């Protein structure tokens, strides 16, 4: 069993020893890149799943073989895709290639945003703090509630008729 600690000095020595051991175990994060210098991540939102590759470039974003402005025509969806770069302070420094399936346009934009955020922090681990603080590395787990039997929708009942 463990040794018995009887004085405050012994306790401080024990705590200092464990803190040093923990610091040795925790290694700094290493960049994760493939042989072409790209980082890959998967992003998810609602029913949409995206596969995202980022590499250094001029800021070109391609989604399913189309330009971002063509695929996501609404300015709000384009703004959602630009958020991770703005938060990390690396606008127009990375080219993004993404494929996305499932869900609607809003869910797909959220999935690509999640994938870009994860790929950015894999490419450069120093960006992790800013992206995590903004909440971009957390998968938004909210999904549509299923329809229940005996009801019109998930919670809406059929109209009550008194007579």
Protein backbone atom coordinates (compact mmCIF):
# COMPACT_ATOMS: atom_id res chain seq x y z
CA UNK A 1 0.00 0.00 0.00
CA UNK A 2 1.04 3.68 -0.20
CA UNK A 3 3.37 5.26 2.33
CA UNK A 4 1.79 7.20 5.18
CA UNK A 5 2.39 10.97 4.99
CA UNK A 6 2.74 12.55 8.45
CA UNK A 7 4.00 16.10 7.80
CA UNK A 8 3.26 19.03 5.52
CA UNK A 9 6.75 18.84 3.97
CA UNK A 10 6.22 15.20 3.00
CA UNK A 11 2.86 16.12 1.44
CA UNK A 12 4.41 18.96 -0.62
CA UNK A 13 7.20 16.66 -1.81
CA UNK A 14 4.67 14.01 -2.84
CA UNK A 15 2.51 16.55 -4.72
CA UNK A 16 5.55 18.05 -6.51
CA UNK A 17 6.67 14.58 -7.58
CA UNK A 18 3.27 13.66 -9.04
CA UNK A 19 2.96 17.03 -10.85
CA UNK A 20 6.34 16.48 -12.51
CA UNK A 21 5.32 12.93 -13.47
CA UNK A 22 2.07 14.20 -15.01
CA UNK A 23 3.92 16.89 -17.01
CA UNK A 24 6.26 14.23 -18.40
CA UNK A 25 3.31 12.07 -19.48
CA UNK A 26 1.43 14.87 -21.25
CA UNK A 27 3.23 15.45 -24.54
CA UNK A 28 2.56 18.54 -26.66
CA UNK A 29 0.23 17.95 -29.58
CA UNK A 30 1.90 17.16 -32.89
CA UNK A 31 0.55 18.32 -36.28
CA UNK A 32 -1.22 15.57 -38.21
CA UNK A 33 -0.63 15.83 -41.97
CA UNK A 34 -0.52 13.36 -44.86
CA UNK A 35 2.25 13.01 -47.46
CA UNK A 36 0.70 15.82 -49.54
CA UNK A 37 0.79 18.26 -46.60
CA UNK A 38 -2.98 18.12 -46.00
CA UNK A 39 -4.97 17.60 -42.80
CA UNK A 40 -8.21 15.60 -42.85
CA UNK A 41 -11.19 15.69 -40.52
CA UNK A 42 -14.81 14.56 -40.45
CA UNK A 43 -17.51 17.03 -39.46
CA UNK A 44 -21.09 16.26 -38.46
CA UNK A 45 -24.27 18.26 -37.88
CA UNK A 46 -27.85 16.93 -37.75
CA UNK A 47 -27.93 14.24 -40.50
CA UNK A 48 -25.12 15.77 -42.56
CA UNK A 49 -21.60 14.31 -42.64
CA UNK A 50 -18.68 16.07 -44.28
CA UNK A 51 -15.15 14.99 -45.16
CA UNK A 52 -12.76 17.95 -45.15
CA UNK A 53 -9.15 18.31 -46.37
CA UNK A 54 -7.22 21.53 -45.77
CA UNK A 55 -3.85 22.55 -47.17
CA UNK A 56 -1.94 25.85 -47.35
CA UNK A 57 -3.18 27.99 -50.21
CA UNK A 58 -5.07 31.11 -51.21
CA UNK A 59 -8.36 30.57 -49.35
CA UNK A 60 -10.30 28.69 -52.05
CA UNK A 61 -13.18 26.58 -50.66
CA UNK A 62 -14.60 23.75 -52.80
CA UNK A 63 -17.66 21.78 -51.67
CA UNK A 64 -18.70 18.69 -53.66
CA UNK A 65 -16.68 19.90 -56.64
CA UNK A 66 -18.33 23.34 -56.71
CA UNK A 67 -17.15 26.70 -55.42
CA UNK A 68 -18.47 27.62 -51.95
CA UNK A 69 -20.49 30.58 -53.31
CA UNK A 70 -22.13 28.30 -55.87
CA UNK A 71 -22.95 25.41 -53.50
CA UNK A 72 -23.98 27.56 -50.51
CA UNK A 73 -25.74 30.45 -52.27
CA UNK A 74 -27.06 32.08 -49.07
CA UNK A 75 -24.60 34.58 -47.52
CA UNK A 76 -25.42 33.26 -44.03
CA UNK A 77 -24.18 29.78 -44.95
CA UNK A 78 -21.01 31.23 -46.47
CA UNK A 79 -20.44 33.20 -43.25
CA UNK A 80 -20.77 29.96 -41.24
CA UNK A 81 -17.99 28.38 -43.33
CA UNK A 82 -15.68 31.39 -42.82
CA UNK A 83 -16.08 31.50 -39.01
CA UNK A 84 -13.32 29.01 -38.06
CA UNK A 85 -10.76 30.91 -40.15
CA UNK A 86 -11.77 34.26 -38.62
CA UNK A 87 -11.60 32.93 -35.06
CA UNK A 88 -8.21 31.30 -35.68
CA UNK A 89 -6.92 34.39 -37.54
CA UNK A 90 -5.85 32.46 -40.65
CA UNK A 91 -8.19 33.88 -43.30
CA UNK A 92 -7.16 33.23 -46.93
CA UNK A 93 -4.26 30.98 -45.87
CA UNK A 94 -5.81 27.54 -46.47
CA UNK A 95 -7.53 25.82 -49.40
CA UNK A 96 -10.44 23.61 -48.40
CA UNK A 97 -11.80 20.61 -50.28
CA UNK A 98 -14.96 19.13 -48.78
CA UNK A 99 -17.49 16.47 -49.67
CA UNK A 100 -20.76 16.50 -47.77
CA UNK A 101 -23.76 14.16 -47.75
CA UNK A 102 -27.10 14.01 -46.00
CA UNK A 103 -29.35 16.57 -44.37
CA UNK A 104 -30.22 19.98 -45.74
CA UNK A 105 -28.09 22.97 -46.66
CA UNK A 106 -28.00 24.40 -43.14
CA UNK A 107 -26.91 21.08 -41.62
CA UNK A 108 -24.35 20.61 -44.38
CA UNK A 109 -22.86 24.06 -43.73
CA UNK A 110 -22.60 23.21 -40.03
CA UNK A 111 -20.95 19.88 -40.84
CA UNK A 112 -18.36 21.52 -43.10
CA UNK A 113 -17.68 24.16 -40.41
CA UNK A 114 -17.12 21.40 -37.84
CA UNK A 115 -14.82 19.56 -40.23
CA UNK A 116 -12.81 22.70 -41.04
CA UNK A 117 -12.36 23.44 -37.34
CA UNK A 118 -11.14 19.93 -36.57
CA UNK A 119 -8.80 19.90 -39.57
CA UNK A 120 -7.35 23.31 -38.63
CA UNK A 121 -6.49 22.18 -35.12
CA UNK A 122 -4.92 19.01 -36.52
CA UNK A 123 -2.85 21.02 -39.02
CA UNK A 124 -1.70 23.57 -36.41
CA UNK A 125 -2.29 22.50 -32.77
CA UNK A 126 -1.64 26.07 -31.54
CA UNK A 127 -5.04 27.08 -33.00
CA UNK A 128 -6.87 24.58 -30.76
CA UNK A 129 -7.40 27.02 -27.87
CA UNK A 130 -9.19 29.66 -29.95
CA UNK A 131 -11.34 27.11 -31.80
CA UNK A 132 -12.28 25.27 -28.60
CA UNK A 133 -13.15 28.52 -26.80
CA UNK A 134 -15.48 29.44 -29.68
CA UNK A 135 -17.14 26.01 -29.42
CA UNK A 136 -16.29 24.92 -32.97
CA UNK A 137 -14.66 21.60 -32.01
CA UNK A 138 -17.77 20.33 -30.23
CA UNK A 139 -20.23 18.38 -32.36
CA UNK A 140 -23.67 20.00 -32.12
CA UNK A 141 -25.70 16.97 -31.03
CA UNK A 142 -29.15 18.50 -31.52
CA UNK A 143 -31.19 16.44 -33.98
CA UNK A 144 -34.86 16.39 -34.98
CA UNK A 145 -37.08 14.67 -32.43
CA UNK A 146 -38.84 11.62 -33.80
CA UNK A 147 -42.59 11.52 -34.45
CA UNK A 148 -44.59 9.65 -31.80
CA UNK A 149 -47.56 7.40 -32.50
CA UNK A 150 -51.01 8.87 -31.73
CA UNK A 151 -49.69 12.37 -32.42
CA UNK A 152 -49.51 14.58 -35.48
CA UNK A 153 -45.83 15.44 -35.07
CA UNK A 154 -43.25 14.86 -32.33
CA UNK A 155 -45.33 16.66 -29.67
CA UNK A 156 -48.29 18.17 -31.50
CA UNK A 157 -51.57 16.35 -30.88
CA UNK A 158 -54.44 16.00 -33.31
CA UNK A 159 -57.07 18.73 -32.99
CA UNK A 160 -59.47 17.98 -30.16
CA UNK A 161 -63.14 17.81 -31.13
CA UNK A 162 -65.66 18.30 -28.32
CA UNK A 163 -68.54 16.93 -30.42
